C-alpha atoms as a PDB file:
ATOM      1  CA  MET A   1      13.936  41.633  20.181  1.00  0.00           C
ATOM      2  CA  LYS A   2      12.354  42.450  16.840  1.00  0.00           C
ATOM      3  CA  MET A   3      14.497  44.083  14.167  1.00  0.00           C
ATOM      4  CA  THR A   4      12.466  47.288  14.273  1.00  0.00           C
ATOM      5  CA  ASP A   5      13.048  47.594  18.041  1.00  0.00           C
ATOM      6  CA  ILE A   6      16.792  47.133  17.545  1.00  0.00           C
ATOM      7  CA  LEU A   7      16.974  49.721  14.774  1.00  0.00           C
ATOM      8  CA  HIS A   8      14.965  52.219  16.832  1.00  0.00           C
ATOM      9  CA  GLY A   9      17.281  51.577  19.802  1.00  0.00           C
ATOM     10  CA  PHE A  10      20.375  52.232  17.698  1.00  0.00           C
ATOM     11  CA  ARG A  11      18.902  55.393  16.163  1.00  0.00           C
ATOM     12  CA  GLU A  12      17.943  56.732  19.564  1.00  0.00           C
ATOM     13  CA  GLY A  13      21.400  56.003  21.012  1.00  0.00           C
ATOM     14  CA  ARG A  14      20.325  53.299  23.456  1.00  0.00           C
ATOM     15  CA  MET A  15      22.907  50.891  21.987  1.00  0.00           C
ATOM     16  CA  ASP A  16      26.121  51.180  19.996  1.00  0.00           C
ATOM     17  CA  GLU A  17      26.737  49.757  16.516  1.00  0.00           C
ATOM     18  CA  GLN A  18      28.440  46.590  17.772  1.00  0.00           C
ATOM     19  CA  GLU A  19      25.551  45.754  20.085  1.00  0.00           C
ATOM     20  CA  ALA A  20      23.003  46.490  17.348  1.00  0.00           C
ATOM     21  CA  VAL A  21      24.776  44.164  14.897  1.00  0.00           C
ATOM     22  CA  ARG A  22      24.912  41.393  17.495  1.00  0.00           C
ATOM     23  CA  LEU A  23      21.209  41.728  18.293  1.00  0.00           C
ATOM     24  CA  LEU A  24      20.285  41.849  14.602  1.00  0.00           C
ATOM     25  CA  GLU A  25      22.095  38.542  14.066  1.00  0.00           C
ATOM     26  CA  GLU A  26      20.221  37.011  17.005  1.00  0.00           C
ATOM     27  CA  ALA A  27      16.931  38.371  15.700  1.00  0.00           C
ATOM     28  CA  ARG A  28      17.436  36.620  12.352  1.00  0.00           C
ATOM     29  CA  CYS A  29      18.372  33.132  13.491  1.00  0.00           C
ATOM     30  CA  LEU A  30      18.599  31.423  16.865  1.00  0.00           C
ATOM     31  CA  HIS A  31      21.185  28.638  17.139  1.00  0.00           C
ATOM     32  CA  LEU A  32      19.970  25.848  19.416  1.00  0.00           C
ATOM     33  CA  GLY A  33      22.743  23.394  18.578  1.00  0.00           C
ATOM     34  CA  HIS A  34      20.410  20.897  16.912  1.00  0.00           C
ATOM     35  CA  THR A  35      18.432  23.536  14.974  1.00  0.00           C
ATOM     36  CA  ARG A  36      18.827  27.008  13.475  1.00  0.00           C
ATOM     37  CA  VAL A  37      15.436  28.607  14.099  1.00  0.00           C
ATOM     38  CA  ASP A  38      14.401  31.140  11.457  1.00  0.00           C
ATOM     39  CA  LEU A  39      13.059  33.946  13.651  1.00  0.00           C
ATOM     40  CA  GLU A  40      12.431  36.448  10.849  1.00  0.00           C
ATOM     41  CA  ARG A  41      10.396  34.133   8.639  1.00  0.00           C
ATOM     42  CA  GLU A  42       7.098  35.766   9.569  1.00  0.00           C
ATOM     43  CA  CYS A  43       8.523  39.190   8.678  1.00  0.00           C
ATOM     44  CA  ARG A  44       9.722  37.859   5.299  1.00  0.00           C
ATOM     45  CA  THR A  45       6.856  35.593   4.302  1.00  0.00           C
ATOM     46  CA  GLY A  46       3.904  36.458   6.541  1.00  0.00           C
ATOM     47  CA  ALA A  47       3.951  33.170   8.453  1.00  0.00           C
ATOM     48  CA  PRO A  48       6.112  31.855  11.311  1.00  0.00           C
ATOM     49  CA  GLU A  49       8.300  28.793  10.884  1.00  0.00           C
ATOM     50  CA  VAL A  50       6.192  25.658  11.387  1.00  0.00           C
ATOM     51  CA  ILE A  51       7.871  22.701  13.082  1.00  0.00           C
ATOM     52  CA  PHE A  52       7.828  19.288  11.406  1.00  0.00           C
ATOM     53  CA  GLY A  53       7.616  17.071  14.479  1.00  0.00           C
ATOM     54  CA  GLU A  54       8.100  13.638  12.961  1.00  0.00           C
ATOM     55  CA  ARG A  55      11.341  11.978  14.113  1.00  0.00           C
ATOM     56  CA  LYS A  56      12.222  14.934  16.349  1.00  0.00           C
ATOM     57  CA  PRO A  57      12.392  14.233  20.112  1.00  0.00           C
ATOM     58  CA  ALA A  58       9.744  16.000  22.167  1.00  0.00           C
ATOM     59  CA  GLU A  59      12.376  18.049  24.015  1.00  0.00           C
ATOM     60  CA  GLN A  60      13.773  19.311  20.707  1.00  0.00           C
ATOM     61  CA  ILE A  61      10.315  20.274  19.456  1.00  0.00           C
ATOM     62  CA  ALA A  62       9.696  22.115  22.736  1.00  0.00           C
ATOM     63  CA  GLU A  63      12.902  24.156  22.389  1.00  0.00           C
ATOM     64  CA  ILE A  64      12.082  25.156  18.825  1.00  0.00           C
ATOM     65  CA  MET A  65       8.482  25.910  19.731  1.00  0.00           C
ATOM     66  CA  ALA A  66       9.571  28.173  22.590  1.00  0.00           C
ATOM     67  CA  ALA A  67      11.803  30.162  20.236  1.00  0.00           C
ATOM     68  CA  VAL A  68       9.099  30.545  17.572  1.00  0.00           C
ATOM     69  CA  LEU A  69       6.527  31.433  20.216  1.00  0.00           C
ATOM     70  CA  HIS A  70       8.774  34.167  21.609  1.00  0.00           C
ATOM     71  CA  ALA A  71       9.362  35.611  18.122  1.00  0.00           C
ATOM     72  CA  SER A  72       5.826  35.378  16.732  1.00  0.00           C
ATOM     73  CA  GLY A  73       3.405  34.919  19.622  1.00  0.00           C
ATOM     74  CA  ARG A  74       2.184  31.585  18.290  1.00  0.00           C
ATOM     75  CA  ALA A  75       3.714  28.299  17.186  1.00  0.00           C
ATOM     76  CA  LEU A  76       2.599  25.148  15.382  1.00  0.00           C
ATOM     77  CA  ALA A  77       4.086  21.661  15.187  1.00  0.00           C
ATOM     78  CA  THR A  78       2.909  18.999  12.735  1.00  0.00           C
ATOM     79  CA  ARG A  79       3.116  15.188  12.806  1.00  0.00           C
ATOM     80  CA  VAL A  80       3.319  14.979  16.590  1.00  0.00           C
ATOM     81  CA  SER A  81       2.500  11.689  18.320  1.00  0.00           C
ATOM     82  CA  GLY A  82       0.328  11.534  21.410  1.00  0.00           C
ATOM     83  CA  GLU A  83       3.348  10.780  23.596  1.00  0.00           C
ATOM     84  CA  LYS A  84       5.253  13.822  22.332  1.00  0.00           C
ATOM     85  CA  ALA A  85       2.139  15.970  22.621  1.00  0.00           C
ATOM     86  CA  ALA A  86       1.856  15.109  26.325  1.00  0.00           C
ATOM     87  CA  VAL A  87       5.372  16.456  26.895  1.00  0.00           C
ATOM     88  CA  LEU A  88       4.619  19.628  24.953  1.00  0.00           C
ATOM     89  CA  MET A  89       1.347  20.256  26.776  1.00  0.00           C
ATOM     90  CA  GLU A  90       3.174  19.968  30.100  1.00  0.00           C
ATOM     91  CA  ARG A  91       5.766  22.477  28.887  1.00  0.00           C
ATOM     92  CA  PHE A  92       3.165  24.880  27.406  1.00  0.00           C
ATOM     93  CA  PRO A  93      -0.002  24.975  29.563  1.00  0.00           C
ATOM     94  CA  ASP A  94      -2.074  26.662  26.828  1.00  0.00           C
ATOM     95  CA  ALA A  95      -1.038  24.179  24.118  1.00  0.00           C
ATOM     96  CA  ARG A  96      -3.814  22.442  22.151  1.00  0.00           C
ATOM     97  CA  TYR A  97      -3.362  19.015  20.625  1.00  0.00           C
ATOM     98  CA  ASP A  98      -5.559  17.723  17.825  1.00  0.00           C
ATOM     99  CA  ALA A  99      -5.113  13.966  17.754  1.00  0.00           C
ATOM    100  CA  GLY A 100      -6.767  13.617  14.338  1.00  0.00           C
ATOM    101  CA  SER A 101      -4.316  15.875  12.515  1.00  0.00           C
ATOM    102  CA  ARG A 102      -1.449  15.219  14.973  1.00  0.00           C
ATOM    103  CA  MET A 103      -0.825  18.953  15.379  1.00  0.00           C
ATOM    104  CA  VAL A 104       0.120  20.965  18.465  1.00  0.00           C
ATOM    105  CA  ALA A 105      -0.592  24.699  18.544  1.00  0.00           C
ATOM    106  CA  VAL A 106       0.425  27.281  21.132  1.00  0.00           C
ATOM    107  CA  GLY A 107      -0.765  30.887  21.273  1.00  0.00           C
ATOM    108  CA  GLU A 108      -3.733  32.677  19.801  1.00  0.00           C
ATOM    109  CA  PHE A 109      -4.569  32.321  16.104  1.00  0.00           C
ATOM    110  CA  PRO A 110      -5.053  35.572  14.157  1.00  0.00           C
ATOM    111  CA  GLU A 111      -8.642  36.651  13.576  1.00  0.00           C
ATOM    112  CA  PRO A 112      -9.508  36.123   9.880  1.00  0.00           C
ATOM    113  CA  PRO A 113     -10.190  39.464   8.173  1.00  0.00           C
ATOM    114  CA  GLY A 114     -13.133  39.843   5.803  1.00  0.00           C
ATOM    115  CA  ASP A 115     -15.534  37.169   4.637  1.00  0.00           C
ATOM    116  CA  ALA A 116     -13.320  35.296   2.151  1.00  0.00           C
ATOM    117  CA  TYR A 117     -12.791  31.645   2.987  1.00  0.00           C
ATOM    118  CA  ALA A 118     -11.122  28.484   1.793  1.00  0.00           C
ATOM    119  CA  VAL A 119     -12.841  25.115   1.643  1.00  0.00           C
ATOM    120  CA  VAL A 120     -11.068  21.970   2.782  1.00  0.00           C
ATOM    121  CA  ILE A 121     -12.880  18.994   1.306  1.00  0.00           C
ATOM    122  CA  SER A 122     -12.051  15.322   1.707  1.00  0.00           C
ATOM    123  CA  ALA A 123     -13.158  12.412  -0.438  1.00  0.00           C
ATOM    124  CA  GLY A 124     -13.604   9.938   2.417  1.00  0.00           C
ATOM    125  CA  SER A 125     -13.480   9.776   6.201  1.00  0.00           C
ATOM    126  CA  SER A 126     -10.158   7.919   5.925  1.00  0.00           C
ATOM    127  CA  ASP A 127      -8.656  11.162   4.572  1.00  0.00           C
ATOM    128  CA  TYR A 128      -9.660  13.042   7.733  1.00  0.00           C
ATOM    129  CA  SER A 129      -6.205  13.423   9.306  1.00  0.00           C
ATOM    130  CA  VAL A 130      -4.665  15.005   6.198  1.00  0.00           C
ATOM    131  CA  ALA A 131      -7.707  17.223   5.656  1.00  0.00           C
ATOM    132  CA  GLU A 132      -7.593  18.460   9.247  1.00  0.00           C
ATOM    133  CA  GLU A 133      -3.872  19.209   8.865  1.00  0.00           C
ATOM    134  CA  ALA A 134      -4.810  21.508   5.965  1.00  0.00           C
ATOM    135  CA  ALA A 135      -7.737  23.102   7.827  1.00  0.00           C
ATOM    136  CA  LEU A 136      -5.816  23.777  11.038  1.00  0.00           C
ATOM    137  CA  THR A 137      -2.898  25.174   9.049  1.00  0.00           C
ATOM    138  CA  LEU A 138      -5.261  27.688   7.446  1.00  0.00           C
ATOM    139  CA  GLU A 139      -6.684  28.666  10.838  1.00  0.00           C
ATOM    140  CA  PHE A 140      -3.223  28.980  12.398  1.00  0.00           C
ATOM    141  CA  LEU A 141      -2.193  31.332   9.591  1.00  0.00           C
ATOM    142  CA  GLY A 142      -5.302  33.466  10.012  1.00  0.00           C
ATOM    143  CA  SER A 143      -7.626  32.321   7.231  1.00  0.00           C
ATOM    144  CA  ARG A 144     -11.292  31.394   7.396  1.00  0.00           C
ATOM    145  CA  VAL A 145     -12.110  27.733   6.650  1.00  0.00           C
ATOM    146  CA  GLN A 146     -15.176  25.715   5.705  1.00  0.00           C
ATOM    147  CA  ARG A 147     -14.849  21.956   6.132  1.00  0.00           C
ATOM    148  CA  LEU A 148     -16.652  19.500   3.849  1.00  0.00           C
ATOM    149  CA  TYR A 149     -15.690  15.936   4.702  1.00  0.00           C
ATOM    150  CA  ASP A 150     -16.656  12.592   3.156  1.00  0.00           C
ATOM    151  CA  CYS A 151     -17.794  14.115  -0.152  1.00  0.00           C
ATOM    152  CA  GLY A 152     -16.042  11.844  -2.632  1.00  0.00           C
ATOM    153  CA  VAL A 153     -17.076  10.923  -6.151  1.00  0.00           C
ATOM    154  CA  ALA A 154     -18.411   7.499  -5.105  1.00  0.00           C
ATOM    155  CA  GLY A 155     -21.516   9.387  -3.971  1.00  0.00           C
ATOM    156  CA  LEU A 156     -21.479  12.450  -6.201  1.00  0.00           C
ATOM    157  CA  HIS A 157     -24.718  13.823  -4.726  1.00  0.00           C
ATOM    158  CA  ARG A 158     -22.817  14.545  -1.494  1.00  0.00           C
ATOM    159  CA  LEU A 159     -20.592  16.924  -3.445  1.00  0.00           C
ATOM    160  CA  LEU A 160     -23.335  18.509  -5.533  1.00  0.00           C
ATOM    161  CA  ASP A 161     -25.366  19.195  -2.389  1.00  0.00           C
ATOM    162  CA  ARG A 162     -22.643  21.638  -1.249  1.00  0.00           C
ATOM    163  CA  LEU A 163     -22.053  23.531  -4.493  1.00  0.00           C
ATOM    164  CA  ASP A 164     -23.115  26.813  -2.881  1.00  0.00           C
ATOM    165  CA  VAL A 165     -20.302  26.566  -0.327  1.00  0.00           C
ATOM    166  CA  LEU A 166     -17.776  25.397  -2.913  1.00  0.00           C
ATOM    167  CA  ARG A 167     -18.604  28.159  -5.399  1.00  0.00           C
ATOM    168  CA  GLY A 168     -18.340  30.787  -2.683  1.00  0.00           C
ATOM    169  CA  ALA A 169     -14.759  29.783  -1.830  1.00  0.00           C
ATOM    170  CA  SER A 170     -11.647  31.710  -2.832  1.00  0.00           C
ATOM    171  CA  ALA A 171      -9.531  28.541  -2.765  1.00  0.00           C
ATOM    172  CA  ILE A 172     -10.203  24.837  -2.306  1.00  0.00           C
ATOM    173  CA  VAL A 173      -7.982  22.153  -0.787  1.00  0.00           C
ATOM    174  CA  ALA A 174      -9.170  18.788  -2.132  1.00  0.00           C
ATOM    175  CA  VAL A 175      -7.900  15.782  -0.182  1.00  0.00           C
ATOM    176  CA  ALA A 176      -8.335  12.322  -1.709  1.00  0.00           C
ATOM    177  CA  GLY A 177      -6.761   8.893  -1.868  1.00  0.00           C
ATOM    178  CA  MET A 178      -7.767   5.825  -3.896  1.00  0.00           C
ATOM    179  CA  GLU A 179      -7.953   6.974  -7.558  1.00  0.00           C
ATOM    180  CA  GLY A 180      -7.720  10.683  -6.634  1.00  0.00           C
ATOM    181  CA  ALA A 181     -10.596  11.879  -8.849  1.00  0.00           C
ATOM    182  CA  LEU A 182     -12.067  14.507  -6.534  1.00  0.00           C
ATOM    183  CA  PRO A 183      -9.890  17.527  -7.532  1.00  0.00           C
ATOM    184  CA  SER A 184     -10.628  17.047 -11.247  1.00  0.00           C
ATOM    185  CA  VAL A 185     -14.366  16.962 -10.616  1.00  0.00           C
ATOM    186  CA  LEU A 186     -14.160  20.075  -8.419  1.00  0.00           C
ATOM    187  CA  ALA A 187     -12.075  22.058 -10.897  1.00  0.00           C
ATOM    188  CA  GLY A 188     -14.784  21.559 -13.504  1.00  0.00           C
ATOM    189  CA  LEU A 189     -17.381  23.114 -11.183  1.00  0.00           C
ATOM    190  CA  VAL A 190     -15.712  26.150  -9.578  1.00  0.00           C
ATOM    191  CA  LYS A 191     -13.796  29.287 -10.566  1.00  0.00           C
ATOM    192  CA  CYS A 192     -11.178  29.308  -7.797  1.00  0.00           C
ATOM    193  CA  PRO A 193      -7.824  27.449  -7.606  1.00  0.00           C
ATOM    194  CA  VAL A 194      -7.977  23.837  -6.438  1.00  0.00           C
ATOM    195  CA  PHE A 195      -5.020  22.532  -4.440  1.00  0.00           C
ATOM    196  CA  ALA A 196      -5.008  18.758  -4.710  1.00  0.00           C
ATOM    197  CA  VAL A 197      -3.609  16.694  -1.845  1.00  0.00           C
ATOM    198  CA  PRO A 198      -3.192  12.979  -2.593  1.00  0.00           C
ATOM    199  CA  THR A 199      -3.304  10.709   0.432  1.00  0.00           C
ATOM    200  CA  SER A 200      -1.786   7.298   1.059  1.00  0.00           C
ATOM    201  CA  VAL A 201      -5.282   5.838   1.556  1.00  0.00           C
ATOM    202  CA  GLY A 202      -6.140   2.903  -0.699  1.00  0.00           C
ATOM    203  CA  TYR A 203      -5.600  -0.749  -1.523  1.00  0.00           C
ATOM    204  CA  GLY A 204      -2.374  -2.268  -2.830  1.00  0.00           C
ATOM    205  CA  ALA A 205      -2.400  -0.812  -6.337  1.00  0.00           C
ATOM    206  CA  SER A 206      -2.724   2.692  -4.921  1.00  0.00           C
ATOM    207  CA  PHE A 207       1.004   2.307  -4.078  1.00  0.00           C
ATOM    208  CA  GLY A 208       0.816   4.392  -0.913  1.00  0.00           C
ATOM    209  CA  GLY A 209      -0.794   7.372  -2.643  1.00  0.00           C
ATOM    210  CA  LEU A 210       1.249   7.307  -5.841  1.00  0.00           C
ATOM    211  CA  ALA A 211      -1.819   6.401  -7.944  1.00  0.00           C
ATOM    212  CA  ALA A 212      -3.736   9.405  -6.587  1.00  0.00           C
ATOM    213  CA  LEU A 213      -0.705  11.671  -7.041  1.00  0.00           C
ATOM    214  CA  LEU A 214      -0.282  10.702 -10.698  1.00  0.00           C
ATOM    215  CA  ALA A 215      -4.016  11.027 -11.358  1.00  0.00           C
ATOM    216  CA  MET A 216      -4.022  14.538  -9.942  1.00  0.00           C
ATOM    217  CA  LEU A 217      -0.895  15.533 -11.867  1.00  0.00           C
ATOM    218  CA  ASN A 218      -2.566  14.280 -15.059  1.00  0.00           C
ATOM    219  CA  SER A 219      -5.873  16.049 -14.420  1.00  0.00           C
ATOM    220  CA  CYS A 220      -7.586  17.304 -17.577  1.00  0.00           C
ATOM    221  CA  ALA A 221      -9.336  20.065 -15.584  1.00  0.00           C
ATOM    222  CA  ASN A 222      -7.850  23.550 -15.465  1.00  0.00           C
ATOM    223  CA  GLY A 223      -6.862  25.146 -12.165  1.00  0.00           C
ATOM    224  CA  VAL A 224      -5.540  22.074 -10.335  1.00  0.00           C
ATOM    225  CA  SER A 225      -2.182  22.319  -8.537  1.00  0.00           C
ATOM    226  CA  VAL A 226      -0.809  19.313  -6.674  1.00  0.00           C
ATOM    227  CA  VAL A 227       1.246  18.971  -3.495  1.00  0.00           C
ATOM    228  CA  ASN A 228       2.987  15.869  -2.208  1.00  0.00           C
ATOM    229  CA  ILE A 229       1.342  12.764  -0.769  1.00  0.00           C
ATOM    230  CA  ASP A 230      -0.292  13.400   2.641  1.00  0.00           C
ATOM    231  CA  ASN A 231       0.954  17.015   2.641  1.00  0.00           C
ATOM    232  CA  GLY A 232      -2.089  18.685   4.151  1.00  0.00           C
ATOM    233  CA  PHE A 233       0.124  21.460   5.498  1.00  0.00           C
ATOM    234  CA  GLY A 234       1.301  22.359   1.984  1.00  0.00           C
ATOM    235  CA  GLY A 235      -2.207  22.420   0.587  1.00  0.00           C
ATOM    236  CA  GLY A 236      -3.471  24.589   3.433  1.00  0.00           C
ATOM    237  CA  PHE A 237      -0.551  27.001   3.187  1.00  0.00           C
ATOM    238  CA  ASN A 238      -1.059  27.487  -0.558  1.00  0.00           C
ATOM    239  CA  ALA A 239      -4.753  28.185  -0.062  1.00  0.00           C
ATOM    240  CA  HIS A 240      -3.865  30.724   2.626  1.00  0.00           C
ATOM    241  CA  LEU A 241      -1.602  32.563   0.167  1.00  0.00           C
ATOM    242  CA  VAL A 242      -4.503  32.880  -2.261  1.00  0.00           C
ATOM    243  CA  LEU A 243      -6.658  34.481   0.438  1.00  0.00           C
ATOM    244  CA  CYS A 244      -3.791  36.794   1.401  1.00  0.00           C
ATOM    245  CA  SER A 245      -3.285  37.885  -2.220  1.00  0.00           C
ATOM    246  CA  MET A 246      -6.940  38.916  -2.327  1.00  0.00           C
ATOM    247  CA  ARG A 247      -6.209  41.202   0.619  1.00  0.00           C
ATOM    248  CA  GLY A 248      -3.232  42.683  -1.215  1.00  0.00           C
ATOM    249  CA  HIS A 249      -0.437  41.209   0.917  1.00  0.00           C
ATOM    250  CA  ARG A 250       0.990  37.930   2.204  1.00  0.00           C
ATOM    251  CA  HIS A 251       0.705  38.689   5.878  1.00  0.00           C
ATOM    252  CA  SER A 252      -1.927  37.015   8.013  1.00  0.00           C
END
């Protein structure tokens, strides 16, 4: 039950105080033994709890997903292998698995209000999985997305050809490995915030994305904020918050 339903039930005399308190506790957090599922997160922050699927057994992910789905009507799990996804899709017949981003979604995504959109742009095709994690996160949360992939600085014309789309965005998620130059170039061309996502793509001296991370942190361009290596979810979520703030609230 949602908190508002419980409070209405107590006010109307359909339950006593003790029962209302018990239900309010259950509405806040569901104890599954292995996990304490935050059921009121969407009410507090505008977005349901998203499940980090890496190193969790498929059965555990399924239990958490069922709880989030019941509370919010939709659920999302990130970093899910194909084997785990098969288990989840058997458990939830309407589940969708995107192998590129390794994400499983259940339930309908909210319809994006208005025309504002975020751009998710990747430097190279090797950054695709992280970029798609950002893009699908935005869609799950109810934001409109434009994808621009393989637009890195090694062929700058590919980026300049899409300036109309980039300059129309309210937020940009820039995903890049190697030397991580893309976000700095973008921030010098647009007015909106740029959320930089370094990836672990690159040769030995890229140190698993550390070179790109440090380059982005040391950007001389204004308006660049950086999330952790390969954290497409974080970049997408931050861009979603920008779009929500334009609508005057944080709810999707």
